[in-house]
Amino acid sequence: MKTIKVTLNSIDKVKNFVNAISKFDSDFDLVSGRYVIDAKSIMGIFSLDLSKPIELTIHDDKAFDHVAGTLKDFIVE
């Protein structure tokens, strides 16, 4: 299990993020404070505070590099 920070500060970014991450069979969670939601749930994402970066947890270590490459536009350092 690995985590990276992503920013989803617009409606278009959320839609593009969900479309990109839904192509993977792995499980992903978004963690914001004490809230943990399924990263493939567009409704769940809109329930979070999107003004700050959010932690993306990738549960499949083998897929990490491929996922990180696909989501490079959303990743923040």
PDB file of N, CA and C in Angstrom:
ATOM      1  N   MET A   1       0.839  -1.170   0.000  1.00  0.00           N
ATOM      2  CA  MET A   1       0.000   0.000   0.000  1.00  0.00           C
ATOM      3  C   MET A   1       0.895   1.248   0.000  1.00  0.00           C
ATOM      4  N   LYS A   2       0.642   2.157  -0.947  1.00  0.00           N
ATOM      5  CA  LYS A   2       1.412   3.391  -1.054  1.00  0.00           C
ATOM      6  C   LYS A   2       0.455   4.564  -1.146  1.00  0.00           C
ATOM      7  N   THR A   3       0.941   5.737  -0.751  1.00  0.00           N
ATOM      8  CA  THR A   3       0.105   6.939  -0.824  1.00  0.00           C
ATOM      9  C   THR A   3       0.823   8.044  -1.578  1.00  0.00           C
ATOM     10  N   ILE A   4       0.032   8.836  -2.276  1.00  0.00           N
ATOM     11  CA  ILE A   4       0.522  10.033  -2.947  1.00  0.00           C
ATOM     12  C   ILE A   4      -0.511  11.134  -2.722  1.00  0.00           C
ATOM     13  N   LYS A   5      -0.095  12.381  -2.841  1.00  0.00           N
ATOM     14  CA  LYS A   5      -1.005  13.518  -2.690  1.00  0.00           C
ATOM     15  C   LYS A   5      -1.498  13.954  -4.067  1.00  0.00           C
ATOM     16  N   VAL A   6      -2.798  14.179  -4.157  1.00  0.00           N
ATOM     17  CA  VAL A   6      -3.387  14.655  -5.407  1.00  0.00           C
ATOM     18  C   VAL A   6      -4.208  15.908  -5.136  1.00  0.00           C
ATOM     19  N   THR A   7      -4.375  16.710  -6.160  1.00  0.00           N
ATOM     20  CA  THR A   7      -5.234  17.883  -6.054  1.00  0.00           C
ATOM     21  C   THR A   7      -6.387  17.730  -7.047  1.00  0.00           C
ATOM     22  N   LEU A   8      -7.591  17.945  -6.550  1.00  0.00           N
ATOM     23  CA  LEU A   8      -8.809  17.822  -7.360  1.00  0.00           C
ATOM     24  C   LEU A   8      -9.664  19.059  -7.132  1.00  0.00           C
ATOM     25  N   ASN A   9      -9.126  20.214  -7.495  1.00  0.00           N
ATOM     26  CA  ASN A   9      -9.755  21.482  -7.123  1.00  0.00           C
ATOM     27  C   ASN A   9     -10.710  22.067  -8.164  1.00  0.00           C
ATOM     28  N   SER A  10     -11.192  21.241  -9.089  1.00  0.00           N
ATOM     29  CA  SER A  10     -12.209  21.707 -10.036  1.00  0.00           C
ATOM     30  C   SER A  10     -13.077  20.532 -10.464  1.00  0.00           C
ATOM     31  N   ILE A  11     -14.250  20.847 -10.957  1.00  0.00           N
ATOM     32  CA  ILE A  11     -15.176  19.799 -11.397  1.00  0.00           C
ATOM     33  C   ILE A  11     -14.564  18.980 -12.528  1.00  0.00           C
ATOM     34  N   ASP A  12     -13.906  19.646 -13.477  1.00  0.00           N
ATOM     35  CA  ASP A  12     -13.281  18.934 -14.591  1.00  0.00           C
ATOM     36  C   ASP A  12     -12.173  18.000 -14.108  1.00  0.00           C
ATOM     37  N   LYS A  13     -11.378  18.459 -13.130  1.00  0.00           N
ATOM     38  CA  LYS A  13     -10.318  17.602 -12.592  1.00  0.00           C
ATOM     39  C   LYS A  13     -10.905  16.357 -11.935  1.00  0.00           C
ATOM     40  N   VAL A  14     -11.991  16.520 -11.201  1.00  0.00           N
ATOM     41  CA  VAL A  14     -12.629  15.369 -10.548  1.00  0.00           C
ATOM     42  C   VAL A  14     -13.132  14.383 -11.599  1.00  0.00           C
ATOM     43  N   LYS A  15     -13.807  14.882 -12.626  1.00  0.00           N
ATOM     44  CA  LYS A  15     -14.313  13.991 -13.684  1.00  0.00           C
ATOM     45  C   LYS A  15     -13.181  13.270 -14.389  1.00  0.00           C
ATOM     46  N   ASN A  16     -12.122  13.985 -14.736  1.00  0.00           N
ATOM     47  CA  ASN A  16     -10.984  13.366 -15.418  1.00  0.00           C
ATOM     48  C   ASN A  16     -10.272  12.360 -14.513  1.00  0.00           C
ATOM     49  N   PHE A  17     -10.156  12.670 -13.232  1.00  0.00           N
ATOM     50  CA  PHE A  17      -9.525  11.767 -12.270  1.00  0.00           C
ATOM     51  C   PHE A  17     -10.309  10.467 -12.164  1.00  0.00           C
ATOM     52  N   VAL A  18     -11.616  10.563 -12.000  1.00  0.00           N
ATOM     53  CA  VAL A  18     -12.449   9.357 -11.870  1.00  0.00           C
ATOM     54  C   VAL A  18     -12.397   8.531 -13.155  1.00  0.00           C
ATOM     55  N   ASN A  19     -12.422   9.178 -14.303  1.00  0.00           N
ATOM     56  CA  ASN A  19     -12.318   8.444 -15.569  1.00  0.00           C
ATOM     57  C   ASN A  19     -10.984   7.714 -15.672  1.00  0.00           C
ATOM     58  N   ALA A  20      -9.902   8.363 -15.257  1.00  0.00           N
ATOM     59  CA  ALA A  20      -8.571   7.755 -15.345  1.00  0.00           C
ATOM     60  C   ALA A  20      -8.410   6.609 -14.358  1.00  0.00           C
ATOM     61  N   ILE A  21      -8.852   6.798 -13.129  1.00  0.00           N
ATOM     62  CA  ILE A  21      -8.611   5.785 -12.097  1.00  0.00           C
ATOM     63  C   ILE A  21      -9.563   4.594 -12.243  1.00  0.00           C
ATOM     64  N   SER A  22     -10.699   4.809 -12.872  1.00  0.00           N
ATOM     65  CA  SER A  22     -11.658   3.716 -13.059  1.00  0.00           C
ATOM     66  C   SER A  22     -11.163   2.666 -14.044  1.00  0.00           C
ATOM     67  N   LYS A  23     -10.138   2.976 -14.810  1.00  0.00           N
ATOM     68  CA  LYS A  23      -9.584   2.020 -15.777  1.00  0.00           C
ATOM     69  C   LYS A  23      -8.765   0.928 -15.099  1.00  0.00           C
ATOM     70  N   PHE A  24      -8.428   1.121 -13.824  1.00  0.00           N
ATOM     71  CA  PHE A  24      -7.622   0.151 -13.096  1.00  0.00           C
ATOM     72  C   PHE A  24      -8.518  -0.767 -12.269  1.00  0.00           C
ATOM     73  N   ASP A  25      -8.106  -2.039 -12.142  1.00  0.00           N
ATOM     74  CA  ASP A  25      -8.855  -3.006 -11.349  1.00  0.00           C
ATOM     75  C   ASP A  25      -8.521  -2.922  -9.861  1.00  0.00           C
ATOM     76  N   SER A  26      -7.478  -2.214  -9.498  1.00  0.00           N
ATOM     77  CA  SER A  26      -7.035  -2.120  -8.106  1.00  0.00           C
ATOM     78  C   SER A  26      -8.005  -1.288  -7.278  1.00  0.00           C
ATOM     79  N   ASP A  27      -7.817  -1.362  -5.953  1.00  0.00           N
ATOM     80  CA  ASP A  27      -8.617  -0.557  -5.034  1.00  0.00           C
ATOM     81  C   ASP A  27      -7.857   0.708  -4.669  1.00  0.00           C
ATOM     82  N   PHE A  28      -8.581   1.817  -4.586  1.00  0.00           N
ATOM     83  CA  PHE A  28      -8.005   3.116  -4.266  1.00  0.00           C
ATOM     84  C   PHE A  28      -8.898   3.822  -3.264  1.00  0.00           C
ATOM     85  N   ASP A  29      -8.283   4.499  -2.303  1.00  0.00           N
ATOM     86  CA  ASP A  29      -9.026   5.311  -1.347  1.00  0.00           C
ATOM     87  C   ASP A  29      -8.497   6.727  -1.382  1.00  0.00           C
ATOM     88  N   LEU A  30      -9.376   7.684  -1.138  1.00  0.00           N
ATOM     89  CA  LEU A  30      -8.975   9.065  -0.930  1.00  0.00           C
ATOM     90  C   LEU A  30      -9.198   9.375   0.544  1.00  0.00           C
ATOM     91  N   VAL A  31      -8.173   9.948   1.171  1.00  0.00           N
ATOM     92  CA  VAL A  31      -8.218  10.240   2.605  1.00  0.00           C
ATOM     93  C   VAL A  31      -8.088  11.740   2.806  1.00  0.00           C
ATOM     94  N   SER A  32      -9.075  12.315   3.467  1.00  0.00           N
ATOM     95  CA  SER A  32      -9.064  13.739   3.787  1.00  0.00           C
ATOM     96  C   SER A  32      -9.493  13.873   5.241  1.00  0.00           C
ATOM     97  N   GLY A  33      -8.524  14.183   6.102  1.00  0.00           N
ATOM     98  CA  GLY A  33      -8.827  14.247   7.532  1.00  0.00           C
ATOM     99  C   GLY A  33      -9.227  12.876   8.043  1.00  0.00           C
ATOM    100  N   ARG A  34     -10.417  12.788   8.614  1.00  0.00           N
ATOM    101  CA  ARG A  34     -10.879  11.489   9.126  1.00  0.00           C
ATOM    102  C   ARG A  34     -11.797  10.761   8.148  1.00  0.00           C
ATOM    103  N   TYR A  35     -11.969  11.326   6.964  1.00  0.00           N
ATOM    104  CA  TYR A  35     -12.833  10.724   5.957  1.00  0.00           C
ATOM    105  C   TYR A  35     -12.035   9.884   4.972  1.00  0.00           C
ATOM    106  N   VAL A  36     -12.528   8.687   4.696  1.00  0.00           N
ATOM    107  CA  VAL A  36     -11.925   7.786   3.714  1.00  0.00           C
ATOM    108  C   VAL A  36     -13.032   7.383   2.748  1.00  0.00           C
ATOM    109  N   ILE A  37     -12.821   7.661   1.467  1.00  0.00           N
ATOM    110  CA  ILE A  37     -13.840   7.303   0.474  1.00  0.00           C
ATOM    111  C   ILE A  37     -13.191   6.549  -0.681  1.00  0.00           C
ATOM    112  N   ASP A  38     -14.004   5.838  -1.429  1.00  0.00           N
ATOM    113  CA  ASP A  38     -13.559   5.113  -2.623  1.00  0.00           C
ATOM    114  C   ASP A  38     -13.181   6.147  -3.688  1.00  0.00           C
ATOM    115  N   ALA A  39     -11.960   6.062  -4.196  1.00  0.00           N
ATOM    116  CA  ALA A  39     -11.476   7.049  -5.164  1.00  0.00           C
ATOM    117  C   ALA A  39     -12.193   6.951  -6.515  1.00  0.00           C
ATOM    118  N   LYS A  40     -12.948   5.895  -6.741  1.00  0.00           N
ATOM    119  CA  LYS A  40     -13.683   5.754  -7.997  1.00  0.00           C
ATOM    120  C   LYS A  40     -15.100   6.315  -7.898  1.00  0.00           C
ATOM    121  N   SER A  41     -15.456   6.852  -6.727  1.00  0.00           N
ATOM    122  CA  SER A  41     -16.797   7.387  -6.488  1.00  0.00           C
ATOM    123  C   SER A  41     -16.816   8.897  -6.673  1.00  0.00           C
ATOM    124  N   ILE A  42     -17.416   9.340  -7.759  1.00  0.00           N
ATOM    125  CA  ILE A  42     -17.459  10.777  -8.029  1.00  0.00           C
ATOM    126  C   ILE A  42     -18.275  11.510  -6.956  1.00  0.00           C
ATOM    127  N   MET A  43     -19.349  10.898  -6.488  1.00  0.00           N
ATOM    128  CA  MET A  43     -20.162  11.522  -5.438  1.00  0.00           C
ATOM    129  C   MET A  43     -19.389  11.584  -4.126  1.00  0.00           C
ATOM    130  N   GLY A  44     -18.637  10.538  -3.835  1.00  0.00           N
ATOM    131  CA  GLY A  44     -17.821  10.534  -2.628  1.00  0.00           C
ATOM    132  C   GLY A  44     -16.768  11.626  -2.653  1.00  0.00           C
ATOM    133  N   ILE A  45     -16.143  11.809  -3.805  1.00  0.00           N
ATOM    134  CA  ILE A  45     -15.104  12.836  -3.936  1.00  0.00           C
ATOM    135  C   ILE A  45     -15.687  14.227  -3.687  1.00  0.00           C
ATOM    136  N   PHE A  46     -16.880  14.472  -4.196  1.00  0.00           N
ATOM    137  CA  PHE A  46     -17.485  15.795  -4.000  1.00  0.00           C
ATOM    138  C   PHE A  46     -17.910  16.039  -2.557  1.00  0.00           C
ATOM    139  N   SER A  47     -17.899  15.003  -1.714  1.00  0.00           N
ATOM    140  CA  SER A  47     -18.217  15.197  -0.297  1.00  0.00           C
ATOM    141  C   SER A  47     -16.993  15.647   0.504  1.00  0.00           C
ATOM    142  N   LEU A  48     -15.813  15.646  -0.130  1.00  0.00           N
ATOM    143  CA  LEU A  48     -14.574  16.026   0.543  1.00  0.00           C
ATOM    144  C   LEU A  48     -14.278  17.515   0.360  1.00  0.00           C
ATOM    145  N   ASP A  49     -13.370  18.030   1.179  1.00  0.00           N
ATOM    146  CA  ASP A  49     -12.879  19.407   1.033  1.00  0.00           C
ATOM    147  C   ASP A  49     -11.829  19.389  -0.084  1.00  0.00           C
ATOM    148  N   LEU A  50     -12.195  19.881  -1.248  1.00  0.00           N
ATOM    149  CA  LEU A  50     -11.322  19.810  -2.423  1.00  0.00           C
ATOM    150  C   LEU A  50     -10.395  21.013  -2.550  1.00  0.00           C
ATOM    151  N   SER A  51     -10.425  21.905  -1.581  1.00  0.00           N
ATOM    152  CA  SER A  51      -9.557  23.071  -1.652  1.00  0.00           C
ATOM    153  C   SER A  51      -8.116  22.743  -1.249  1.00  0.00           C
ATOM    154  N   LYS A  52      -7.915  21.586  -0.621  1.00  0.00           N
ATOM    155  CA  LYS A  52      -6.581  21.162  -0.186  1.00  0.00           C
ATOM    156  C   LYS A  52      -6.208  19.851  -0.868  1.00  0.00           C
ATOM    157  N   PRO A  53      -4.910  19.555  -0.961  1.00  0.00           N
ATOM    158  CA  PRO A  53      -4.511  18.251  -1.510  1.00  0.00           C
ATOM    159  C   PRO A  53      -5.076  17.099  -0.672  1.00  0.00           C
ATOM    160  N   ILE A  54      -5.335  15.989  -1.329  1.00  0.00           N
ATOM    161  CA  ILE A  54      -5.935  14.806  -0.705  1.00  0.00           C
ATOM    162  C   ILE A  54      -4.979  13.637  -0.896  1.00  0.00           C
ATOM    163  N   GLU A  55      -4.900  12.761   0.100  1.00  0.00           N
ATOM    164  CA  GLU A  55      -4.047  11.576  -0.007  1.00  0.00           C
ATOM    165  C   GLU A  55      -4.769  10.479  -0.793  1.00  0.00           C
ATOM    166  N   LEU A  56      -4.108   9.959  -1.795  1.00  0.00           N
ATOM    167  CA  LEU A  56      -4.606   8.818  -2.559  1.00  0.00           C
ATOM    168  C   LEU A  56      -3.852   7.586  -2.098  1.00  0.00           C
ATOM    169  N   THR A  57      -4.566   6.587  -1.598  1.00  0.00           N
ATOM    170  CA  THR A  57      -3.956   5.337  -1.168  1.00  0.00           C
ATOM    171  C   THR A  57      -4.157   4.304  -2.268  1.00  0.00           C
ATOM    172  N   ILE A  58      -3.051   3.735  -2.728  1.00  0.00           N
ATOM    173  CA  ILE A  58      -3.071   2.714  -3.777  1.00  0.00           C
ATOM    174  C   ILE A  58      -2.792   1.382  -3.102  1.00  0.00           C
ATOM    175  N   HIS A  59      -3.736   0.469  -3.170  1.00  0.00           N
ATOM    176  CA  HIS A  59      -3.628  -0.791  -2.438  1.00  0.00           C
ATOM    177  C   HIS A  59      -2.841  -1.870  -3.186  1.00  0.00           C
ATOM    178  N   ASP A  60      -2.500  -1.637  -4.430  1.00  0.00           N
ATOM    179  CA  ASP A  60      -1.748  -2.612  -5.230  1.00  0.00           C
ATOM    180  C   ASP A  60      -0.365  -2.022  -5.541  1.00  0.00           C
ATOM    181  N   ASP A  61       0.655  -2.454  -4.778  1.00  0.00           N
ATOM    182  CA  ASP A  61       2.011  -1.926  -4.967  1.00  0.00           C
ATOM    183  C   ASP A  61       2.556  -2.171  -6.366  1.00  0.00           C
ATOM    184  N   LYS A  62       2.162  -3.271  -6.986  1.00  0.00           N
ATOM    185  CA  LYS A  62       2.671  -3.606  -8.321  1.00  0.00           C
ATOM    186  C   LYS A  62       2.188  -2.610  -9.371  1.00  0.00           C
ATOM    187  N   ALA A  63       1.026  -2.035  -9.145  1.00  0.00           N
ATOM    188  CA  ALA A  63       0.442  -1.110 -10.118  1.00  0.00           C
ATOM    189  C   ALA A  63       0.838   0.340  -9.855  1.00  0.00           C
ATOM    190  N   PHE A  64       1.599   0.591  -8.791  1.00  0.00           N
ATOM    191  CA  PHE A  64       1.880   1.966  -8.368  1.00  0.00           C
ATOM    192  C   PHE A  64       2.493   2.813  -9.479  1.00  0.00           C
ATOM    193  N   ASP A  65       3.551   2.335 -10.124  1.00  0.00           N
ATOM    194  CA  ASP A  65       4.228   3.132 -11.153  1.00  0.00           C
ATOM    195  C   ASP A  65       3.300   3.473 -12.317  1.00  0.00           C
ATOM    196  N   HIS A  66       2.509   2.494 -12.736  1.00  0.00           N
ATOM    197  CA  HIS A  66       1.580   2.717 -13.842  1.00  0.00           C
ATOM    198  C   HIS A  66       0.488   3.718 -13.437  1.00  0.00           C
ATOM    199  N   VAL A  67      -0.040   3.560 -12.228  1.00  0.00           N
ATOM    200  CA  VAL A  67      -1.069   4.477 -11.731  1.00  0.00           C
ATOM    201  C   VAL A  67      -0.500   5.889 -11.586  1.00  0.00           C
ATOM    202  N   ALA A  68       0.675   6.000 -10.981  1.00  0.00           N
ATOM    203  CA  ALA A  68       1.306   7.315 -10.790  1.00  0.00           C
ATOM    204  C   ALA A  68       1.571   7.998 -12.133  1.00  0.00           C
ATOM    205  N   GLY A  69       1.966   7.236 -13.126  1.00  0.00           N
ATOM    206  CA  GLY A  69       2.191   7.803 -14.453  1.00  0.00           C
ATOM    207  C   GLY A  69       0.907   8.300 -15.093  1.00  0.00           C
ATOM    208  N   THR A  70      -0.156   7.538 -14.926  1.00  0.00           N
ATOM    209  CA  THR A  70      -1.450   7.919 -15.486  1.00  0.00           C
ATOM    210  C   THR A  70      -2.023   9.155 -14.806  1.00  0.00           C
ATOM    211  N   LEU A  71      -1.760   9.283 -13.503  1.00  0.00           N
ATOM    212  CA  LEU A  71      -2.349  10.380 -12.729  1.00  0.00           C
ATOM    213  C   LEU A  71      -1.393  11.549 -12.518  1.00  0.00           C
ATOM    214  N   LYS A  72      -0.331  11.625 -13.308  1.00  0.00           N
ATOM    215  CA  LYS A  72       0.710  12.637 -13.094  1.00  0.00           C
ATOM    216  C   LYS A  72       0.180  14.061 -13.099  1.00  0.00           C
ATOM    217  N   ASP A  73      -0.898  14.340 -13.829  1.00  0.00           N
ATOM    218  CA  ASP A  73      -1.456  15.690 -13.880  1.00  0.00           C
ATOM    219  C   ASP A  73      -2.141  16.090 -12.577  1.00  0.00           C
ATOM    220  N   PHE A  74      -2.453  15.113 -11.730  1.00  0.00           N
ATOM    221  CA  PHE A  74      -3.171  15.387 -10.483  1.00  0.00           C
ATOM    222  C   PHE A  74      -2.245  15.371  -9.258  1.00  0.00           C
ATOM    223  N   ILE A  75      -1.045  14.826  -9.414  1.00  0.00           N
ATOM    224  CA  ILE A  75      -0.132  14.631  -8.278  1.00  0.00           C
ATOM    225  C   ILE A  75       0.536  15.943  -7.903  1.00  0.00           C
ATOM    226  N   VAL A  76       0.591  16.194  -6.597  1.00  0.00           N
ATOM    227  CA  VAL A  76       1.317  17.352  -6.062  1.00  0.00           C
ATOM    228  C   VAL A  76       2.426  16.843  -5.171  1.00  0.00           C
ATOM    229  N   GLU A  77       3.506  17.603  -5.092  1.00  0.00           N
ATOM    230  CA  GLU A  77       4.656  17.196  -4.277  1.00  0.00           C
ATOM    231  C   GLU A  77       4.463  17.558  -2.843  1.00  0.00           C
TER     232      GLU A  77
END
